[in-house]
């Protein structure tokens, strides 16, 4: 027996993520979104709501700047998704910050400092 079929929301979510990444790199000219990396998407089962997760290096000011740039481009992105993908409904898009890359970087710094015998930085 072959691999189990994936849910439609997962397949469509992957397509949406791919298209949004393409739009951000080629069409969206806002400099605030240039440092943002898309990390995932969560699409509702009815395909009407999409949470797109992003990460960016830097601190809270960079995250806020990227968030405002993504929110500003949201209408354009939704329109382009509607044109590019053959969907009955174009999902409402919400951009959410995904802190996992920053947490991983912090953990790596802590592990590295422990390996070299130093004391880990207290980030919080």
PDB file of N, CA and C in Angstrom:
ATOM      1  N   UNK A   1       0.834  -1.183   0.000  1.00  0.00           N
ATOM      2  CA  UNK A   1       0.000   0.000   0.000  1.00  0.00           C
ATOM      3  C   UNK A   1       0.877   1.244   0.000  1.00  0.00           C
ATOM      4  N   UNK A   2       0.470   2.283  -0.698  1.00  0.00           N
ATOM      5  CA  UNK A   2       1.252   3.506  -0.854  1.00  0.00           C
ATOM      6  C   UNK A   2       1.175   4.397   0.369  1.00  0.00           C
ATOM      7  N   UNK A   3       1.806   5.547   0.283  1.00  0.00           N
ATOM      8  CA  UNK A   3       1.779   6.486   1.408  1.00  0.00           C
ATOM      9  C   UNK A   3       0.371   7.011   1.641  1.00  0.00           C
ATOM     10  N   UNK A   4       0.090   7.392   2.894  1.00  0.00           N
ATOM     11  CA  UNK A   4      -1.241   7.891   3.212  1.00  0.00           C
ATOM     12  C   UNK A   4      -1.433   9.269   2.602  1.00  0.00           C
ATOM     13  N   UNK A   5      -2.602   9.531   2.052  1.00  0.00           N
ATOM     14  CA  UNK A   5      -2.843  10.844   1.447  1.00  0.00           C
ATOM     15  C   UNK A   5      -2.878  11.922   2.526  1.00  0.00           C
ATOM     16  N   UNK A   6      -2.356  13.092   2.201  1.00  0.00           N
ATOM     17  CA  UNK A   6      -2.366  14.203   3.142  1.00  0.00           C
ATOM     18  C   UNK A   6      -3.690  14.940   3.048  1.00  0.00           C
ATOM     19  N   UNK A   7      -4.031  15.601   4.132  1.00  0.00           N
ATOM     20  CA  UNK A   7      -5.258  16.388   4.140  1.00  0.00           C
ATOM     21  C   UNK A   7      -5.172  17.498   3.104  1.00  0.00           C
ATOM     22  N   UNK A   8      -6.296  17.839   2.539  1.00  0.00           N
ATOM     23  CA  UNK A   8      -6.342  18.905   1.533  1.00  0.00           C
ATOM     24  C   UNK A   8      -5.838  20.231   2.112  1.00  0.00           C
ATOM     25  N   UNK A   9      -6.179  20.522   3.354  1.00  0.00           N
ATOM     26  CA  UNK A   9      -5.744  21.786   3.943  1.00  0.00           C
ATOM     27  C   UNK A   9      -4.220  21.862   4.029  1.00  0.00           C
ATOM     28  N   UNK A  10      -3.562  20.729   4.248  1.00  0.00           N
ATOM     29  CA  UNK A  10      -2.093  20.716   4.302  1.00  0.00           C
ATOM     30  C   UNK A  10      -1.516  20.937   2.907  1.00  0.00           C
ATOM     31  N   UNK A  11      -2.082  20.263   1.915  1.00  0.00           N
ATOM     32  CA  UNK A  11      -1.595  20.424   0.538  1.00  0.00           C
ATOM     33  C   UNK A  11      -1.793  21.855   0.046  1.00  0.00           C
ATOM     34  N   UNK A  12      -2.976  22.412   0.266  1.00  0.00           N
ATOM     35  CA  UNK A  12      -3.262  23.778  -0.171  1.00  0.00           C
ATOM     36  C   UNK A  12      -2.404  24.767   0.628  1.00  0.00           C
ATOM     37  N   UNK A  13      -2.214  24.502   1.912  1.00  0.00           N
ATOM     38  CA  UNK A  13      -1.371  25.356   2.736  1.00  0.00           C
ATOM     39  C   UNK A  13       0.055  25.415   2.210  1.00  0.00           C
ATOM     40  N   UNK A  14       0.572  24.267   1.788  1.00  0.00           N
ATOM     41  CA  UNK A  14       1.923  24.237   1.209  1.00  0.00           C
ATOM     42  C   UNK A  14       1.995  25.067  -0.065  1.00  0.00           C
ATOM     43  N   UNK A  15       0.962  24.974  -0.896  1.00  0.00           N
ATOM     44  CA  UNK A  15       0.922  25.787  -2.120  1.00  0.00           C
ATOM     45  C   UNK A  15       0.871  27.275  -1.796  1.00  0.00           C
ATOM     46  N   UNK A  16       0.050  27.634  -0.818  1.00  0.00           N
ATOM     47  CA  UNK A  16      -0.072  29.038  -0.431  1.00  0.00           C
ATOM     48  C   UNK A  16       1.259  29.553   0.093  1.00  0.00           C
ATOM     49  N   UNK A  17       1.919  28.759   0.931  1.00  0.00           N
ATOM     50  CA  UNK A  17       3.206  29.174   1.482  1.00  0.00           C
ATOM     51  C   UNK A  17       4.236  29.396   0.375  1.00  0.00           C
ATOM     52  N   UNK A  18       4.251  28.496  -0.596  1.00  0.00           N
ATOM     53  CA  UNK A  18       5.182  28.618  -1.721  1.00  0.00           C
ATOM     54  C   UNK A  18       4.900  29.897  -2.510  1.00  0.00           C
ATOM     55  N   UNK A  19       3.636  30.172  -2.778  1.00  0.00           N
ATOM     56  CA  UNK A  19       3.270  31.365  -3.534  1.00  0.00           C
ATOM     57  C   UNK A  19       3.564  32.650  -2.758  1.00  0.00           C
ATOM     58  N   UNK A  20       3.291  32.654  -1.465  1.00  0.00           N
ATOM     59  CA  UNK A  20       3.560  33.852  -0.669  1.00  0.00           C
ATOM     60  C   UNK A  20       5.062  34.108  -0.611  1.00  0.00           C
ATOM     61  N   UNK A  21       5.858  33.050  -0.464  1.00  0.00           N
ATOM     62  CA  UNK A  21       7.313  33.217  -0.460  1.00  0.00           C
ATOM     63  C   UNK A  21       7.788  33.799  -1.790  1.00  0.00           C
ATOM     64  N   UNK A  22       7.226  33.320  -2.886  1.00  0.00           N
ATOM     65  CA  UNK A  22       7.582  33.847  -4.201  1.00  0.00           C
ATOM     66  C   UNK A  22       7.185  35.317  -4.324  1.00  0.00           C
ATOM     67  N   UNK A  23       5.989  35.651  -3.860  1.00  0.00           N
ATOM     68  CA  UNK A  23       5.528  37.046  -3.914  1.00  0.00           C
ATOM     69  C   UNK A  23       6.424  37.958  -3.090  1.00  0.00           C
ATOM     70  N   UNK A  24       6.803  37.504  -1.901  1.00  0.00           N
ATOM     71  CA  UNK A  24       7.645  38.346  -1.044  1.00  0.00           C
ATOM     72  C   UNK A  24       9.019  38.569  -1.662  1.00  0.00           C
ATOM     73  N   UNK A  25       9.537  37.561  -2.333  1.00  0.00           N
ATOM     74  CA  UNK A  25      10.881  37.722  -2.896  1.00  0.00           C
ATOM     75  C   UNK A  25      10.874  38.468  -4.230  1.00  0.00           C
ATOM     76  N   UNK A  26       9.783  38.389  -4.998  1.00  0.00           N
ATOM     77  CA  UNK A  26       9.784  38.980  -6.336  1.00  0.00           C
ATOM     78  C   UNK A  26       8.923  40.218  -6.503  1.00  0.00           C
ATOM     79  N   UNK A  27       7.778  40.271  -5.853  1.00  0.00           N
ATOM     80  CA  UNK A  27       6.810  41.329  -6.150  1.00  0.00           C
ATOM     81  C   UNK A  27       6.693  42.396  -5.063  1.00  0.00           C
ATOM     82  N   UNK A  28       6.781  41.985  -3.802  1.00  0.00           N
ATOM     83  CA  UNK A  28       6.609  42.945  -2.705  1.00  0.00           C
ATOM     84  C   UNK A  28       7.905  43.729  -2.561  1.00  0.00           C
ATOM     85  N   UNK A  29       7.828  45.027  -2.741  1.00  0.00           N
ATOM     86  CA  UNK A  29       9.012  45.883  -2.732  1.00  0.00           C
ATOM     87  C   UNK A  29       9.262  46.538  -1.372  1.00  0.00           C
ATOM     88  N   UNK A  30       8.415  46.279  -0.403  1.00  0.00           N
ATOM     89  CA  UNK A  30       8.545  46.887   0.916  1.00  0.00           C
ATOM     90  C   UNK A  30       9.829  46.396   1.594  1.00  0.00           C
ATOM     91  N   UNK A  31      10.749  47.289   1.934  1.00  0.00           N
ATOM     92  CA  UNK A  31      12.011  46.854   2.543  1.00  0.00           C
ATOM     93  C   UNK A  31      11.837  46.233   3.930  1.00  0.00           C
ATOM     94  N   UNK A  32      10.695  46.464   4.568  1.00  0.00           N
ATOM     95  CA  UNK A  32      10.471  45.898   5.908  1.00  0.00           C
ATOM     96  C   UNK A  32      10.355  44.380   5.888  1.00  0.00           C
ATOM     97  N   UNK A  33       9.951  43.806   4.751  1.00  0.00           N
ATOM     98  CA  UNK A  33       9.742  42.353   4.707  1.00  0.00           C
ATOM     99  C   UNK A  33      10.968  41.595   4.204  1.00  0.00           C
ATOM    100  N   UNK A  34      12.020  42.294   3.824  1.00  0.00           N
ATOM    101  CA  UNK A  34      13.172  41.619   3.219  1.00  0.00           C
ATOM    102  C   UNK A  34      13.856  40.645   4.165  1.00  0.00           C
ATOM    103  N   UNK A  35      13.876  40.919   5.458  1.00  0.00           N
ATOM    104  CA  UNK A  35      14.547  40.018   6.397  1.00  0.00           C
ATOM    105  C   UNK A  35      13.664  38.897   6.911  1.00  0.00           C
ATOM    106  N   UNK A  36      12.407  38.871   6.518  1.00  0.00           N
ATOM    107  CA  UNK A  36      11.471  37.868   7.032  1.00  0.00           C
ATOM    108  C   UNK A  36      11.604  36.554   6.275  1.00  0.00           C
ATOM    109  N   UNK A  37      11.585  35.464   7.014  1.00  0.00           N
ATOM    110  CA  UNK A  37      11.616  34.121   6.443  1.00  0.00           C
ATOM    111  C   UNK A  37      10.322  33.421   6.830  1.00  0.00           C
ATOM    112  N   UNK A  38       9.617  32.882   5.850  1.00  0.00           N
ATOM    113  CA  UNK A  38       8.384  32.154   6.144  1.00  0.00           C
ATOM    114  C   UNK A  38       8.751  30.771   6.669  1.00  0.00           C
ATOM    115  N   UNK A  39       8.143  30.398   7.791  1.00  0.00           N
ATOM    116  CA  UNK A  39       8.502  29.129   8.432  1.00  0.00           C
ATOM    117  C   UNK A  39       7.392  28.096   8.393  1.00  0.00           C
ATOM    118  N   UNK A  40       6.176  28.499   8.121  1.00  0.00           N
ATOM    119  CA  UNK A  40       5.098  27.517   8.091  1.00  0.00           C
ATOM    120  C   UNK A  40       3.756  28.170   7.852  1.00  0.00           C
ATOM    121  N   UNK A  41       2.764  27.318   7.679  1.00  0.00           N
ATOM    122  CA  UNK A  41       1.404  27.800   7.459  1.00  0.00           C
ATOM    123  C   UNK A  41       0.440  26.858   8.153  1.00  0.00           C
ATOM    124  N   UNK A  42      -0.629  27.426   8.671  1.00  0.00           N
ATOM    125  CA  UNK A  42      -1.694  26.644   9.284  1.00  0.00           C
ATOM    126  C   UNK A  42      -2.979  27.083   8.600  1.00  0.00           C
ATOM    127  N   UNK A  43      -3.589  26.184   7.841  1.00  0.00           N
ATOM    128  CA  UNK A  43      -4.793  26.504   7.095  1.00  0.00           C
ATOM    129  C   UNK A  43      -5.971  25.790   7.738  1.00  0.00           C
ATOM    130  N   UNK A  44      -7.058  26.513   7.912  1.00  0.00           N
ATOM    131  CA  UNK A  44      -8.247  25.892   8.509  1.00  0.00           C
ATOM    132  C   UNK A  44      -8.782  24.811   7.566  1.00  0.00           C
ATOM    133  N   UNK A  45      -9.540  23.883   8.132  1.00  0.00           N
ATOM    134  CA  UNK A  45     -10.079  22.772   7.326  1.00  0.00           C
ATOM    135  C   UNK A  45     -10.996  23.248   6.208  1.00  0.00           C
ATOM    136  N   UNK A  46     -11.680  24.392   6.423  1.00  0.00           N
ATOM    137  CA  UNK A  46     -12.562  24.909   5.368  1.00  0.00           C
ATOM    138  C   UNK A  46     -11.804  25.794   4.371  1.00  0.00           C
ATOM    139  N   UNK A  47     -10.485  25.922   4.548  1.00  0.00           N
ATOM    140  CA  UNK A  47      -9.591  26.656   3.641  1.00  0.00           C
ATOM    141  C   UNK A  47      -9.886  28.161   3.582  1.00  0.00           C
ATOM    142  N   UNK A  48     -10.537  28.685   4.606  1.00  0.00           N
ATOM    143  CA  UNK A  48     -10.905  30.104   4.584  1.00  0.00           C
ATOM    144  C   UNK A  48      -9.994  30.980   5.423  1.00  0.00           C
ATOM    145  N   UNK A  49      -9.167  30.382   6.277  1.00  0.00           N
ATOM    146  CA  UNK A  49      -8.299  31.156   7.158  1.00  0.00           C
ATOM    147  C   UNK A  49      -6.900  30.546   7.144  1.00  0.00           C
ATOM    148  N   UNK A  50      -5.900  31.392   6.894  1.00  0.00           N
ATOM    149  CA  UNK A  50      -4.509  30.931   6.861  1.00  0.00           C
ATOM    150  C   UNK A  50      -3.675  31.750   7.835  1.00  0.00           C
ATOM    151  N   UNK A  51      -2.977  31.058   8.735  1.00  0.00           N
ATOM    152  CA  UNK A  51      -1.972  31.695   9.584  1.00  0.00           C
ATOM    153  C   UNK A  51      -0.634  31.372   8.953  1.00  0.00           C
ATOM    154  N   UNK A  52       0.092  32.400   8.571  1.00  0.00           N
ATOM    155  CA  UNK A  52       1.408  32.202   7.978  1.00  0.00           C
ATOM    156  C   UNK A  52       2.438  32.665   8.994  1.00  0.00           C
ATOM    157  N   UNK A  53       3.343  31.763   9.348  1.00  0.00           N
ATOM    158  CA  UNK A  53       4.335  32.047  10.371  1.00  0.00           C
ATOM    159  C   UNK A  53       5.624  32.529   9.725  1.00  0.00           C
ATOM    160  N   UNK A  54       6.236  33.530  10.350  1.00  0.00           N
ATOM    161  CA  UNK A  54       7.488  34.076   9.835  1.00  0.00           C
ATOM    162  C   UNK A  54       8.487  34.232  10.971  1.00  0.00           C
ATOM    163  N   UNK A  55       9.728  34.290  10.595  1.00  0.00           N
ATOM    164  CA  UNK A  55      10.790  34.540  11.544  1.00  0.00           C
ATOM    165  C   UNK A  55      11.729  35.557  10.935  1.00  0.00           C
ATOM    166  N   UNK A  56      12.418  36.281  11.772  1.00  0.00           N
ATOM    167  CA  UNK A  56      13.438  37.198  11.265  1.00  0.00           C
ATOM    168  C   UNK A  56      14.509  37.344  12.337  1.00  0.00           C
ATOM    169  N   UNK A  57      15.725  37.493  11.868  1.00  0.00           N
ATOM    170  CA  UNK A  57      16.837  37.633  12.787  1.00  0.00           C
ATOM    171  C   UNK A  57      16.836  39.052  13.338  1.00  0.00           C
ATOM    172  N   UNK A  58      17.304  39.172  14.547  1.00  0.00           N
ATOM    173  CA  UNK A  58      17.327  40.467  15.194  1.00  0.00           C
ATOM    174  C   UNK A  58      16.404  40.457  16.394  1.00  0.00           C
ATOM    175  N   UNK A  59      16.217  41.596  16.949  1.00  0.00           N
ATOM    176  CA  UNK A  59      15.403  41.711  18.150  1.00  0.00           C
ATOM    177  C   UNK A  59      13.974  42.090  17.868  1.00  0.00           C
ATOM    178  N   UNK A  60      13.334  42.561  18.906  1.00  0.00           N
ATOM    179  CA  UNK A  60      11.920  42.937  18.834  1.00  0.00           C
ATOM    180  C   UNK A  60      11.646  44.043  17.807  1.00  0.00           C
ATOM    181  N   UNK A  61      12.525  45.041  17.645  1.00  0.00           N
ATOM    182  CA  UNK A  61      12.238  46.074  16.627  1.00  0.00           C
ATOM    183  C   UNK A  61      12.174  45.493  15.207  1.00  0.00           C
ATOM    184  N   UNK A  62      13.050  44.546  14.892  1.00  0.00           N
ATOM    185  CA  UNK A  62      13.036  43.930  13.564  1.00  0.00           C
ATOM    186  C   UNK A  62      11.766  43.107  13.354  1.00  0.00           C
ATOM    187  N   UNK A  63      11.332  42.412  14.409  1.00  0.00           N
ATOM    188  CA  UNK A  63      10.103  41.611  14.328  1.00  0.00           C
ATOM    189  C   UNK A  63       8.909  42.524  14.089  1.00  0.00           C
ATOM    190  N   UNK A  64       8.843  43.626  14.834  1.00  0.00           N
ATOM    191  CA  UNK A  64       7.718  44.563  14.655  1.00  0.00           C
ATOM    192  C   UNK A  64       7.733  45.178  13.262  1.00  0.00           C
ATOM    193  N   UNK A  65       8.931  45.518  12.768  1.00  0.00           N
ATOM    194  CA  UNK A  65       9.041  46.100  11.433  1.00  0.00           C
ATOM    195  C   UNK A  65       8.584  45.094  10.373  1.00  0.00           C
ATOM    196  N   UNK A  66       9.026  43.849  10.486  1.00  0.00           N
ATOM    197  CA  UNK A  66       8.613  42.820   9.526  1.00  0.00           C
ATOM    198  C   UNK A  66       7.104  42.575   9.614  1.00  0.00           C
ATOM    199  N   UNK A  67       6.573  42.539  10.835  1.00  0.00           N
ATOM    200  CA  UNK A  67       5.136  42.321  11.027  1.00  0.00           C
ATOM    201  C   UNK A  67       4.338  43.427  10.352  1.00  0.00           C
ATOM    202  N   UNK A  68       4.758  44.683  10.517  1.00  0.00           N
ATOM    203  CA  UNK A  68       4.006  45.781   9.906  1.00  0.00           C
ATOM    204  C   UNK A  68       4.135  45.745   8.386  1.00  0.00           C
ATOM    205  N   UNK A  69       5.296  45.353   7.871  1.00  0.00           N
ATOM    206  CA  UNK A  69       5.457  45.228   6.422  1.00  0.00           C
ATOM    207  C   UNK A  69       4.587  44.126   5.845  1.00  0.00           C
ATOM    208  N   UNK A  70       4.546  42.991   6.534  1.00  0.00           N
ATOM    209  CA  UNK A  70       3.704  41.873   6.070  1.00  0.00           C
ATOM    210  C   UNK A  70       2.229  42.239   6.151  1.00  0.00           C
ATOM    211  N   UNK A  71       1.836  42.889   7.237  1.00  0.00           N
ATOM    212  CA  UNK A  71       0.439  43.306   7.368  1.00  0.00           C
ATOM    213  C   UNK A  71       0.065  44.308   6.279  1.00  0.00           C
ATOM    214  N   UNK A  72       1.002  45.170   5.933  1.00  0.00           N
ATOM    215  CA  UNK A  72       0.758  46.160   4.886  1.00  0.00           C
ATOM    216  C   UNK A  72       0.582  45.499   3.516  1.00  0.00           C
ATOM    217  N   UNK A  73       1.311  44.416   3.274  1.00  0.00           N
ATOM    218  CA  UNK A  73       1.251  43.730   1.981  1.00  0.00           C
ATOM    219  C   UNK A  73       0.147  42.675   1.918  1.00  0.00           C
ATOM    220  N   UNK A  74      -0.571  42.485   3.013  1.00  0.00           N
ATOM    221  CA  UNK A  74      -1.558  41.398   3.107  1.00  0.00           C
ATOM    222  C   UNK A  74      -2.622  41.450   2.018  1.00  0.00           C
ATOM    223  N   UNK A  75      -3.162  42.620   1.720  1.00  0.00           N
ATOM    224  CA  UNK A  75      -4.202  42.741   0.694  1.00  0.00           C
ATOM    225  C   UNK A  75      -3.688  42.360  -0.680  1.00  0.00           C
ATOM    226  N   UNK A  76      -2.501  42.843  -1.013  1.00  0.00           N
ATOM    227  CA  UNK A  76      -1.876  42.495  -2.294  1.00  0.00           C
ATOM    228  C   UNK A  76      -1.613  40.993  -2.377  1.00  0.00           C
ATOM    229  N   UNK A  77      -1.102  40.416  -1.291  1.00  0.00           N
ATOM    230  CA  UNK A  77      -0.798  38.981  -1.273  1.00  0.00           C
ATOM    231  C   UNK A  77      -2.071  38.164  -1.452  1.00  0.00           C
ATOM    232  N   UNK A  78      -3.134  38.546  -0.756  1.00  0.00           N
ATOM    233  CA  UNK A  78      -4.397  37.810  -0.877  1.00  0.00           C
ATOM    234  C   UNK A  78      -4.933  37.877  -2.311  1.00  0.00           C
ATOM    235  N   UNK A  79      -4.856  39.051  -2.914  1.00  0.00           N
ATOM    236  CA  UNK A  79      -5.331  39.208  -4.292  1.00  0.00           C
ATOM    237  C   UNK A  79      -4.509  38.323  -5.235  1.00  0.00           C
ATOM    238  N   UNK A  80      -3.202  38.331  -5.083  1.00  0.00           N
ATOM    239  CA  UNK A  80      -2.337  37.525  -5.939  1.00  0.00           C
ATOM    240  C   UNK A  80      -2.560  36.026  -5.736  1.00  0.00           C
ATOM    241  N   UNK A  81      -2.788  35.606  -4.499  1.00  0.00           N
ATOM    242  CA  UNK A  81      -3.081  34.195  -4.221  1.00  0.00           C
ATOM    243  C   UNK A  81      -4.361  33.797  -4.948  1.00  0.00           C
ATOM    244  N   UNK A  82      -5.355  34.679  -4.905  1.00  0.00           N
ATOM    245  CA  UNK A  82      -6.615  34.417  -5.608  1.00  0.00           C
ATOM    246  C   UNK A  82      -6.420  34.268  -7.108  1.00  0.00           C
ATOM    247  N   UNK A  83      -5.505  35.054  -7.673  1.00  0.00           N
ATOM    248  CA  UNK A  83      -5.241  34.969  -9.115  1.00  0.00           C
ATOM    249  C   UNK A  83      -4.401  33.741  -9.480  1.00  0.00           C
ATOM    250  N   UNK A  84      -3.455  33.388  -8.629  1.00  0.00           N
ATOM    251  CA  UNK A  84      -2.515  32.317  -8.949  1.00  0.00           C
ATOM    252  C   UNK A  84      -3.055  30.913  -8.685  1.00  0.00           C
ATOM    253  N   UNK A  85      -3.871  30.761  -7.646  1.00  0.00           N
ATOM    254  CA  UNK A  85      -4.362  29.437  -7.269  1.00  0.00           C
ATOM    255  C   UNK A  85      -5.851  29.332  -7.584  1.00  0.00           C
ATOM    256  N   UNK A  86      -6.242  28.194  -8.065  1.00  0.00           N
ATOM    257  CA  UNK A  86      -7.636  27.961  -8.427  1.00  0.00           C
ATOM    258  C   UNK A  86      -8.383  27.435  -7.203  1.00  0.00           C
ATOM    259  N   UNK A  87      -8.772  28.362  -6.326  1.00  0.00           N
ATOM    260  CA  UNK A  87      -9.481  27.991  -5.101  1.00  0.00           C
ATOM    261  C   UNK A  87     -10.864  28.628  -5.105  1.00  0.00           C
ATOM    262  N   UNK A  88     -11.798  27.940  -4.493  1.00  0.00           N
ATOM    263  CA  UNK A  88     -13.148  28.490  -4.390  1.00  0.00           C
ATOM    264  C   UNK A  88     -13.133  29.751  -3.531  1.00  0.00           C
ATOM    265  N   UNK A  89     -12.411  29.694  -2.410  1.00  0.00           N
ATOM    266  CA  UNK A  89     -12.276  30.848  -1.526  1.00  0.00           C
ATOM    267  C   UNK A  89     -10.801  31.184  -1.378  1.00  0.00           C
ATOM    268  N   UNK A  90     -10.495  32.452  -1.419  1.00  0.00           N
ATOM    269  CA  UNK A  90      -9.144  32.886  -1.096  1.00  0.00           C
ATOM    270  C   UNK A  90      -9.107  33.103   0.411  1.00  0.00           C
ATOM    271  N   UNK A  91      -8.221  32.418   1.108  1.00  0.00           N
ATOM    272  CA  UNK A  91      -8.253  32.501   2.574  1.00  0.00           C
ATOM    273  C   UNK A  91      -7.841  33.873   3.092  1.00  0.00           C
ATOM    274  N   UNK A  92      -8.427  34.234   4.235  1.00  0.00           N
ATOM    275  CA  UNK A  92      -7.967  35.413   4.958  1.00  0.00           C
ATOM    276  C   UNK A  92      -6.609  35.059   5.541  1.00  0.00           C
ATOM    277  N   UNK A  93      -5.665  35.981   5.429  1.00  0.00           N
ATOM    278  CA  UNK A  93      -4.292  35.702   5.843  1.00  0.00           C
ATOM    279  C   UNK A  93      -3.952  36.508   7.088  1.00  0.00           C
ATOM    280  N   UNK A  94      -3.349  35.824   8.048  1.00  0.00           N
ATOM    281  CA  UNK A  94      -2.840  36.460   9.249  1.00  0.00           C
ATOM    282  C   UNK A  94      -1.377  36.057   9.368  1.00  0.00           C
ATOM    283  N   UNK A  95      -0.501  37.033   9.543  1.00  0.00           N
ATOM    284  CA  UNK A  95       0.914  36.746   9.729  1.00  0.00           C
ATOM    285  C   UNK A  95       1.227  36.728  11.220  1.00  0.00           C
ATOM    286  N   UNK A  96       1.907  35.667  11.661  1.00  0.00           N
ATOM    287  CA  UNK A  96       2.274  35.500  13.071  1.00  0.00           C
ATOM    288  C   UNK A  96       3.772  35.271  13.174  1.00  0.00           C
ATOM    289  N   UNK A  97       4.395  35.899  14.158  1.00  0.00           N
ATOM    290  CA  UNK A  97       5.822  35.699  14.377  1.00  0.00           C
ATOM    291  C   UNK A  97       6.059  34.312  14.975  1.00  0.00           C
ATOM    292  N   UNK A  98       7.053  33.615  14.450  1.00  0.00           N
ATOM    293  CA  UNK A  98       7.446  32.290  14.925  1.00  0.00           C
ATOM    294  C   UNK A  98       8.825  32.417  15.578  1.00  0.00           C
ATOM    295  N   UNK A  99       8.886  32.360  16.901  1.00  0.00           N
ATOM    296  CA  UNK A  99      10.167  32.583  17.579  1.00  0.00           C
ATOM    297  C   UNK A  99      11.089  31.366  17.606  1.00  0.00           C
ATOM    298  N   UNK A 100      10.742  30.292  16.924  1.00  0.00           N
ATOM    299  CA  UNK A 100      11.526  29.057  17.046  1.00  0.00           C
ATOM    300  C   UNK A 100      12.964  29.215  16.559  1.00  0.00           C
ATOM    301  N   UNK A 101      13.205  29.988  15.489  1.00  0.00           N
ATOM    302  CA  UNK A 101      14.588  30.170  15.029  1.00  0.00           C
ATOM    303  C   UNK A 101      15.422  30.927  16.051  1.00  0.00           C
ATOM    304  N   UNK A 102      14.834  31.951  16.670  1.00  0.00           N
ATOM    305  CA  UNK A 102      15.560  32.702  17.688  1.00  0.00           C
ATOM    306  C   UNK A 102      15.854  31.813  18.893  1.00  0.00           C
ATOM    307  N   UNK A 103      14.864  30.977  19.285  1.00  0.00           N
ATOM    308  CA  UNK A 103      15.079  30.066  20.416  1.00  0.00           C
ATOM    309  C   UNK A 103      16.173  29.057  20.098  1.00  0.00           C
ATOM    310  N   UNK A 104      16.178  28.546  18.874  1.00  0.00           N
ATOM    311  CA  UNK A 104      17.207  27.587  18.474  1.00  0.00           C
ATOM    312  C   UNK A 104      18.585  28.241  18.486  1.00  0.00           C
ATOM    313  N   UNK A 105      18.662  29.485  18.014  1.00  0.00           N
ATOM    314  CA  UNK A 105      19.939  30.200  18.014  1.00  0.00           C
ATOM    315  C   UNK A 105      20.427  30.412  19.444  1.00  0.00           C
ATOM    316  N   UNK A 106      19.526  30.769  20.333  1.00  0.00           N
ATOM    317  CA  UNK A 106      19.884  30.982  21.735  1.00  0.00           C
ATOM    318  C   UNK A 106      20.367  29.686  22.372  1.00  0.00           C
ATOM    319  N   UNK A 107      19.665  28.582  22.084  1.00  0.00           N
ATOM    320  CA  UNK A 107      20.083  27.280  22.622  1.00  0.00           C
ATOM    321  C   UNK A 107      21.466  26.902  22.102  1.00  0.00           C
ATOM    322  N   UNK A 108      21.710  27.179  20.833  1.00  0.00           N
ATOM    323  CA  UNK A 108      23.015  26.866  20.247  1.00  0.00           C
ATOM    324  C   UNK A 108      24.114  27.671  20.936  1.00  0.00           C
ATOM    325  N   UNK A 109      23.840  28.948  21.225  1.00  0.00           N
ATOM    326  CA  UNK A 109      24.832  29.768  21.939  1.00  0.00           C
ATOM    327  C   UNK A 109      25.101  29.204  23.327  1.00  0.00           C
ATOM    328  N   UNK A 110      24.048  28.778  24.015  1.00  0.00           N
ATOM    329  CA  UNK A 110      24.208  28.223  25.359  1.00  0.00           C
ATOM    330  C   UNK A 110      25.031  26.939  25.301  1.00  0.00           C
ATOM    331  N   UNK A 111      24.691  26.043  24.383  1.00  0.00           N
ATOM    332  CA  UNK A 111      25.428  24.786  24.256  1.00  0.00           C
ATOM    333  C   UNK A 111      26.875  25.039  23.874  1.00  0.00           C
ATOM    334  N   UNK A 112      27.093  25.985  22.993  1.00  0.00           N
ATOM    335  CA  UNK A 112      28.452  26.310  22.569  1.00  0.00           C
ATOM    336  C   UNK A 112      29.271  26.843  23.738  1.00  0.00           C
ATOM    337  N   UNK A 113      28.660  27.716  24.538  1.00  0.00           N
ATOM    338  CA  UNK A 113      29.405  28.266  25.671  1.00  0.00           C
ATOM    339  C   UNK A 113      29.674  27.190  26.723  1.00  0.00           C
ATOM    340  N   UNK A 114      28.764  26.243  26.872  1.00  0.00           N
ATOM    341  CA  UNK A 114      28.999  25.154  27.817  1.00  0.00           C
ATOM    342  C   UNK A 114      30.127  24.244  27.332  1.00  0.00           C
ATOM    343  N   UNK A 115      30.204  24.030  26.018  1.00  0.00           N
ATOM    344  CA  UNK A 115      31.275  23.197  25.462  1.00  0.00           C
ATOM    345  C   UNK A 115      32.635  23.855  25.650  1.00  0.00           C
ATOM    346  N   UNK A 116      32.678  25.180  25.549  1.00  0.00           N
ATOM    347  CA  UNK A 116      33.957  25.874  25.690  1.00  0.00           C
ATOM    348  C   UNK A 116      34.275  26.211  27.137  1.00  0.00           C
ATOM    349  N   UNK A 117      33.385  25.869  28.050  1.00  0.00           N
ATOM    350  CA  UNK A 117      33.639  26.075  29.475  1.00  0.00           C
ATOM    351  C   UNK A 117      33.209  27.430  29.986  1.00  0.00           C
ATOM    352  N   UNK A 118      32.593  28.238  29.149  1.00  0.00           N
ATOM    353  CA  UNK A 118      32.129  29.547  29.573  1.00  0.00           C
ATOM    354  C   UNK A 118      30.793  29.455  30.285  1.00  0.00           C
ATOM    355  N   UNK A 119      30.263  30.588  30.653  1.00  0.00           N
ATOM    356  CA  UNK A 119      28.934  30.601  31.255  1.00  0.00           C
ATOM    357  C   UNK A 119      27.941  31.079  30.214  1.00  0.00           C
ATOM    358  N   UNK A 120      26.785  30.447  30.141  1.00  0.00           N
ATOM    359  CA  UNK A 120      25.793  30.866  29.145  1.00  0.00           C
ATOM    360  C   UNK A 120      25.267  32.255  29.440  1.00  0.00           C
ATOM    361  N   UNK A 121      24.952  32.976  28.368  1.00  0.00           N
ATOM    362  CA  UNK A 121      24.365  34.303  28.513  1.00  0.00           C
ATOM    363  C   UNK A 121      22.946  34.146  29.036  1.00  0.00           C
ATOM    364  N   UNK A 122      22.534  35.055  29.863  1.00  0.00           N
ATOM    365  CA  UNK A 122      21.130  35.017  30.307  1.00  0.00           C
ATOM    366  C   UNK A 122      20.347  35.921  29.381  1.00  0.00           C
ATOM    367  N   UNK A 123      19.494  35.305  28.577  1.00  0.00           N
ATOM    368  CA  UNK A 123      18.721  36.069  27.599  1.00  0.00           C
ATOM    369  C   UNK A 123      17.428  36.593  28.151  1.00  0.00           C
ATOM    370  N   UNK A 124      17.066  36.153  29.337  1.00  0.00           N
ATOM    371  CA  UNK A 124      15.774  36.575  29.893  1.00  0.00           C
ATOM    372  C   UNK A 124      15.889  36.936  31.324  1.00  0.00           C
TER     373      UNK A 124
END
